Amino acid sequence: MQKKTPKKVIIQLIKDDLRHQHSVLGLNMLGFSNDNSMLDICRSVFSIMELNINDRRLDHLTNEYCDCAYHVTEIHFNDAESFERLATEIYNWLTLERKKYLKTL
């Protein structure tokens, strides 16, 4: 039996992804083309949450995750509370998507 990953670990992973995206998007806004710097951590998050990204029914997740994560451009780099809040919102949204997905299986 596989051990369940704690919620706080998943939220921390999402928050790390948001901080990285904040840096990359900020550099892009300053004119430094950094398009190849994205880490695609969302795939790891999806996998941990048992969301099979290869299932065509979940094709929308990556785009919607990126849309949600883009809000980091509105956050000041040292506003830890806002990063935490956004990461938690994304986690909660993914939890709902997971429940919907599991019902279709």
N, C-alpha and C. Protein backbone atom coordinates (compact mmCIF):
# COMPACT_ATOMS: atom_id res chain seq x y z
N MET A 1 0.84 -1.18 0.00
CA MET A 1 0.00 0.00 0.00
C MET A 1 0.88 1.24 0.00
N GLN A 2 0.57 2.17 -0.86
CA GLN A 2 1.34 3.40 -1.00
C GLN A 2 0.96 4.40 0.09
N LYS A 3 1.97 5.01 0.71
CA LYS A 3 1.73 5.99 1.77
C LYS A 3 1.27 7.30 1.15
N LYS A 4 0.24 7.91 1.73
CA LYS A 4 -0.32 9.16 1.24
C LYS A 4 0.62 10.32 1.58
N THR A 5 0.85 11.18 0.60
CA THR A 5 1.68 12.37 0.80
C THR A 5 0.87 13.40 1.58
N PRO A 6 1.43 13.95 2.66
CA PRO A 6 0.69 14.94 3.45
C PRO A 6 0.35 16.20 2.65
N LYS A 7 -0.79 16.77 2.97
CA LYS A 7 -1.27 17.99 2.32
C LYS A 7 -0.22 19.09 2.37
N LYS A 8 0.42 19.28 3.52
CA LYS A 8 1.39 20.37 3.66
C LYS A 8 2.59 20.18 2.73
N VAL A 9 2.96 18.95 2.43
CA VAL A 9 4.08 18.70 1.51
C VAL A 9 3.67 19.08 0.09
N ILE A 10 2.46 18.74 -0.30
CA ILE A 10 1.98 19.08 -1.64
C ILE A 10 1.85 20.60 -1.78
N ILE A 11 1.33 21.25 -0.77
CA ILE A 11 1.21 22.71 -0.81
C ILE A 11 2.59 23.35 -0.89
N GLN A 12 3.56 22.81 -0.17
CA GLN A 12 4.92 23.34 -0.23
C GLN A 12 5.51 23.17 -1.63
N LEU A 13 5.26 22.05 -2.26
CA LEU A 13 5.72 21.82 -3.63
C LEU A 13 5.08 22.82 -4.59
N ILE A 14 3.79 23.06 -4.44
CA ILE A 14 3.11 24.05 -5.27
C ILE A 14 3.70 25.44 -5.01
N LYS A 15 3.94 25.75 -3.75
CA LYS A 15 4.50 27.06 -3.39
C LYS A 15 5.90 27.22 -4.00
N ASP A 16 6.71 26.16 -3.97
CA ASP A 16 8.03 26.21 -4.61
C ASP A 16 7.90 26.47 -6.11
N ASP A 17 6.92 25.83 -6.72
CA ASP A 17 6.67 26.05 -8.14
C ASP A 17 6.27 27.50 -8.39
N LEU A 18 5.42 28.04 -7.53
CA LEU A 18 4.98 29.43 -7.68
C LEU A 18 6.15 30.40 -7.54
N ARG A 19 7.03 30.15 -6.58
CA ARG A 19 8.20 31.02 -6.40
C ARG A 19 9.10 30.97 -7.62
N HIS A 20 9.30 29.77 -8.17
CA HIS A 20 10.12 29.64 -9.38
C HIS A 20 9.47 30.38 -10.55
N GLN A 21 8.17 30.16 -10.71
CA GLN A 21 7.47 30.84 -11.80
C GLN A 21 7.50 32.36 -11.62
N HIS A 22 7.43 32.82 -10.39
CA HIS A 22 7.51 34.24 -10.10
C HIS A 22 8.83 34.81 -10.64
N SER A 23 9.91 34.09 -10.39
CA SER A 23 11.23 34.54 -10.87
C SER A 23 11.31 34.53 -12.39
N VAL A 24 10.89 33.43 -12.99
CA VAL A 24 10.97 33.30 -14.44
C VAL A 24 10.08 34.32 -15.15
N LEU A 25 8.85 34.45 -14.68
CA LEU A 25 7.94 35.41 -15.31
C LEU A 25 8.42 36.85 -15.11
N GLY A 26 8.99 37.12 -13.94
CA GLY A 26 9.54 38.45 -13.68
C GLY A 26 10.69 38.77 -14.64
N LEU A 27 11.56 37.80 -14.87
CA LEU A 27 12.67 38.00 -15.81
C LEU A 27 12.13 38.20 -17.23
N ASN A 28 11.09 37.44 -17.58
CA ASN A 28 10.49 37.61 -18.91
C ASN A 28 9.91 39.02 -19.07
N MET A 29 9.28 39.53 -18.03
CA MET A 29 8.70 40.88 -18.09
C MET A 29 9.78 41.95 -18.21
N LEU A 30 10.97 41.65 -17.73
CA LEU A 30 12.08 42.58 -17.84
C LEU A 30 12.81 42.47 -19.18
N GLY A 31 12.37 41.54 -20.01
CA GLY A 31 12.97 41.40 -21.33
C GLY A 31 13.96 40.27 -21.47
N PHE A 32 14.20 39.52 -20.41
CA PHE A 32 15.10 38.38 -20.49
C PHE A 32 14.28 37.16 -20.88
N SER A 33 14.51 36.67 -22.08
CA SER A 33 13.76 35.51 -22.56
C SER A 33 14.21 34.26 -21.81
N ASN A 34 13.33 33.75 -21.00
CA ASN A 34 13.65 32.62 -20.14
C ASN A 34 12.64 31.49 -20.33
N ASP A 35 12.13 31.33 -21.54
CA ASP A 35 11.05 30.38 -21.79
C ASP A 35 11.43 28.93 -21.50
N ASN A 36 12.69 28.59 -21.57
CA ASN A 36 13.13 27.21 -21.34
C ASN A 36 13.44 26.93 -19.87
N SER A 37 13.13 27.86 -18.99
CA SER A 37 13.47 27.72 -17.58
C SER A 37 12.37 27.11 -16.73
N MET A 38 11.20 26.91 -17.29
CA MET A 38 10.10 26.37 -16.51
C MET A 38 10.40 24.92 -16.12
N LEU A 39 10.05 24.57 -14.89
CA LEU A 39 10.37 23.25 -14.36
C LEU A 39 9.26 22.22 -14.55
N ASP A 40 8.04 22.67 -14.80
CA ASP A 40 6.91 21.77 -15.00
C ASP A 40 6.64 20.92 -13.75
N ILE A 41 6.76 21.54 -12.58
CA ILE A 41 6.53 20.87 -11.31
C ILE A 41 5.09 20.40 -11.20
N CYS A 42 4.20 21.06 -11.91
CA CYS A 42 2.78 20.68 -11.82
C CYS A 42 2.57 19.21 -12.17
N ARG A 43 3.36 18.66 -13.07
CA ARG A 43 3.22 17.25 -13.43
C ARG A 43 3.51 16.36 -12.22
N SER A 44 4.50 16.75 -11.43
CA SER A 44 4.81 15.99 -10.21
C SER A 44 3.66 16.10 -9.21
N VAL A 45 3.11 17.30 -9.07
CA VAL A 45 1.98 17.51 -8.16
C VAL A 45 0.80 16.66 -8.61
N PHE A 46 0.50 16.67 -9.90
CA PHE A 46 -0.60 15.86 -10.43
C PHE A 46 -0.38 14.38 -10.11
N SER A 47 0.84 13.92 -10.32
CA SER A 47 1.16 12.52 -10.06
C SER A 47 0.98 12.16 -8.59
N ILE A 48 1.47 13.02 -7.70
CA ILE A 48 1.33 12.78 -6.26
C ILE A 48 -0.14 12.73 -5.87
N MET A 49 -0.95 13.55 -6.52
CA MET A 49 -2.38 13.60 -6.20
C MET A 49 -3.20 12.56 -6.99
N GLU A 50 -2.50 11.66 -7.66
CA GLU A 50 -3.11 10.56 -8.42
C GLU A 50 -4.00 11.05 -9.55
N LEU A 51 -3.56 12.12 -10.20
CA LEU A 51 -4.24 12.64 -11.38
C LEU A 51 -3.41 12.22 -12.59
N ASN A 52 -3.93 11.28 -13.35
CA ASN A 52 -3.22 10.74 -14.50
C ASN A 52 -3.24 11.74 -15.64
N ILE A 53 -2.16 12.46 -15.79
CA ILE A 53 -2.08 13.53 -16.79
C ILE A 53 -2.16 12.98 -18.22
N ASN A 54 -1.95 11.69 -18.40
CA ASN A 54 -2.04 11.09 -19.73
C ASN A 54 -3.49 10.77 -20.11
N ASP A 55 -4.40 10.89 -19.17
CA ASP A 55 -5.81 10.67 -19.44
C ASP A 55 -6.36 11.92 -20.12
N ARG A 56 -6.95 11.74 -21.29
CA ARG A 56 -7.44 12.88 -22.07
C ARG A 56 -8.49 13.70 -21.31
N ARG A 57 -9.17 13.09 -20.37
CA ARG A 57 -10.17 13.82 -19.58
C ARG A 57 -9.53 14.87 -18.68
N LEU A 58 -8.22 14.79 -18.51
CA LEU A 58 -7.51 15.74 -17.64
C LEU A 58 -6.62 16.71 -18.42
N ASP A 59 -6.80 16.77 -19.72
CA ASP A 59 -6.00 17.67 -20.55
C ASP A 59 -6.09 19.13 -20.08
N HIS A 60 -7.23 19.51 -19.56
CA HIS A 60 -7.45 20.89 -19.14
C HIS A 60 -6.64 21.28 -17.90
N LEU A 61 -6.18 20.32 -17.12
CA LEU A 61 -5.53 20.63 -15.85
C LEU A 61 -4.27 21.48 -15.99
N THR A 62 -3.42 21.13 -16.93
CA THR A 62 -2.16 21.86 -17.08
C THR A 62 -2.41 23.33 -17.42
N ASN A 63 -3.30 23.58 -18.36
CA ASN A 63 -3.61 24.96 -18.74
C ASN A 63 -4.25 25.73 -17.59
N GLU A 64 -5.18 25.11 -16.90
CA GLU A 64 -5.84 25.78 -15.79
C GLU A 64 -4.87 26.02 -14.63
N TYR A 65 -3.97 25.07 -14.39
CA TYR A 65 -2.95 25.25 -13.35
C TYR A 65 -2.07 26.46 -13.70
N CYS A 66 -1.65 26.52 -14.95
CA CYS A 66 -0.80 27.65 -15.38
C CYS A 66 -1.55 28.97 -15.27
N ASP A 67 -2.84 28.97 -15.61
CA ASP A 67 -3.64 30.18 -15.47
C ASP A 67 -3.71 30.63 -14.01
N CYS A 68 -3.91 29.69 -13.11
CA CYS A 68 -3.95 30.02 -11.67
C CYS A 68 -2.58 30.50 -11.19
N ALA A 69 -1.54 29.81 -11.62
CA ALA A 69 -0.19 30.13 -11.17
C ALA A 69 0.29 31.47 -11.72
N TYR A 70 -0.27 31.92 -12.82
CA TYR A 70 0.14 33.20 -13.41
C TYR A 70 -0.14 34.37 -12.47
N HIS A 71 -1.02 34.16 -11.52
CA HIS A 71 -1.34 35.22 -10.55
C HIS A 71 -0.14 35.58 -9.68
N VAL A 72 0.94 34.81 -9.74
CA VAL A 72 2.14 35.16 -8.96
C VAL A 72 2.72 36.48 -9.43
N THR A 73 2.40 36.89 -10.64
CA THR A 73 2.91 38.16 -11.14
C THR A 73 2.35 39.34 -10.36
N GLU A 74 1.26 39.10 -9.64
CA GLU A 74 0.62 40.16 -8.85
C GLU A 74 1.11 40.16 -7.40
N ILE A 75 2.00 39.21 -7.05
CA ILE A 75 2.47 39.05 -5.68
C ILE A 75 3.87 39.63 -5.54
N HIS A 76 4.10 40.35 -4.46
CA HIS A 76 5.44 40.86 -4.16
C HIS A 76 6.31 39.69 -3.74
N PHE A 77 7.58 39.69 -4.11
CA PHE A 77 8.46 38.54 -3.91
C PHE A 77 8.60 38.11 -2.45
N ASN A 78 8.42 39.00 -1.49
CA ASN A 78 8.57 38.60 -0.09
C ASN A 78 7.24 38.52 0.66
N ASP A 79 6.15 38.39 -0.08
CA ASP A 79 4.82 38.27 0.53
C ASP A 79 4.49 36.79 0.71
N ALA A 80 5.06 36.20 1.76
CA ALA A 80 4.91 34.76 2.01
C ALA A 80 3.45 34.36 2.19
N GLU A 81 2.67 35.22 2.80
CA GLU A 81 1.25 34.92 3.04
C GLU A 81 0.49 34.76 1.73
N SER A 82 0.76 35.61 0.76
CA SER A 82 0.07 35.51 -0.53
C SER A 82 0.49 34.27 -1.30
N PHE A 83 1.77 33.90 -1.23
CA PHE A 83 2.23 32.66 -1.87
C PHE A 83 1.54 31.46 -1.23
N GLU A 84 1.44 31.47 0.09
CA GLU A 84 0.78 30.39 0.83
C GLU A 84 -0.70 30.30 0.45
N ARG A 85 -1.36 31.44 0.38
CA ARG A 85 -2.78 31.49 0.04
C ARG A 85 -3.02 30.96 -1.38
N LEU A 86 -2.20 31.40 -2.34
CA LEU A 86 -2.37 30.95 -3.72
C LEU A 86 -2.08 29.45 -3.84
N ALA A 87 -1.04 28.98 -3.17
CA ALA A 87 -0.72 27.55 -3.21
C ALA A 87 -1.85 26.72 -2.62
N THR A 88 -2.44 27.20 -1.53
CA THR A 88 -3.56 26.49 -0.90
C THR A 88 -4.79 26.50 -1.81
N GLU A 89 -5.06 27.62 -2.47
CA GLU A 89 -6.18 27.69 -3.42
C GLU A 89 -5.99 26.68 -4.55
N ILE A 90 -4.78 26.60 -5.08
CA ILE A 90 -4.50 25.65 -6.16
C ILE A 90 -4.67 24.22 -5.65
N TYR A 91 -4.15 23.94 -4.46
CA TYR A 91 -4.31 22.61 -3.87
C TYR A 91 -5.79 22.26 -3.72
N ASN A 92 -6.58 23.17 -3.18
CA ASN A 92 -8.01 22.91 -2.99
C ASN A 92 -8.71 22.67 -4.32
N TRP A 93 -8.35 23.45 -5.34
CA TRP A 93 -8.93 23.26 -6.67
C TRP A 93 -8.55 21.87 -7.21
N LEU A 94 -7.28 21.48 -7.05
CA LEU A 94 -6.86 20.16 -7.54
C LEU A 94 -7.54 19.04 -6.77
N THR A 95 -7.81 19.24 -5.50
CA THR A 95 -8.52 18.24 -4.71
C THR A 95 -9.93 18.03 -5.27
N LEU A 96 -10.59 19.12 -5.62
CA LEU A 96 -11.93 19.01 -6.24
C LEU A 96 -11.85 18.32 -7.59
N GLU A 97 -10.85 18.67 -8.39
CA GLU A 97 -10.67 18.02 -9.69
C GLU A 97 -10.41 16.53 -9.52
N ARG A 98 -9.65 16.17 -8.48
CA ARG A 98 -9.35 14.76 -8.21
C ARG A 98 -10.63 14.01 -7.86
N LYS A 99 -11.48 14.61 -7.03
CA LYS A 99 -12.75 13.95 -6.67
C LYS A 99 -13.62 13.73 -7.91
N LYS A 100 -13.70 14.75 -8.77
CA LYS A 100 -14.49 14.61 -10.00
C LYS A 100 -13.90 13.50 -10.88
N TYR A 101 -12.57 13.49 -10.98
CA TYR A 101 -11.90 12.51 -11.83
C TYR A 101 -12.12 11.09 -11.31
N LEU A 102 -11.99 10.89 -10.01
CA LEU A 102 -12.16 9.55 -9.44
C LEU A 102 -13.58 9.03 -9.63
N LYS A 103 -14.56 9.92 -9.68
CA LYS A 103 -15.94 9.49 -9.92
C LYS A 103 -16.13 8.96 -11.33
N THR A 104 -15.30 9.42 -12.27
CA THR A 104 -15.44 8.98 -13.67
C THR A 104 -14.74 7.66 -13.93
N LEU A 105 -13.92 7.21 -13.01
CA LEU A 105 -13.19 5.96 -13.21
C LEU A 105 -14.04 4.75 -12.94
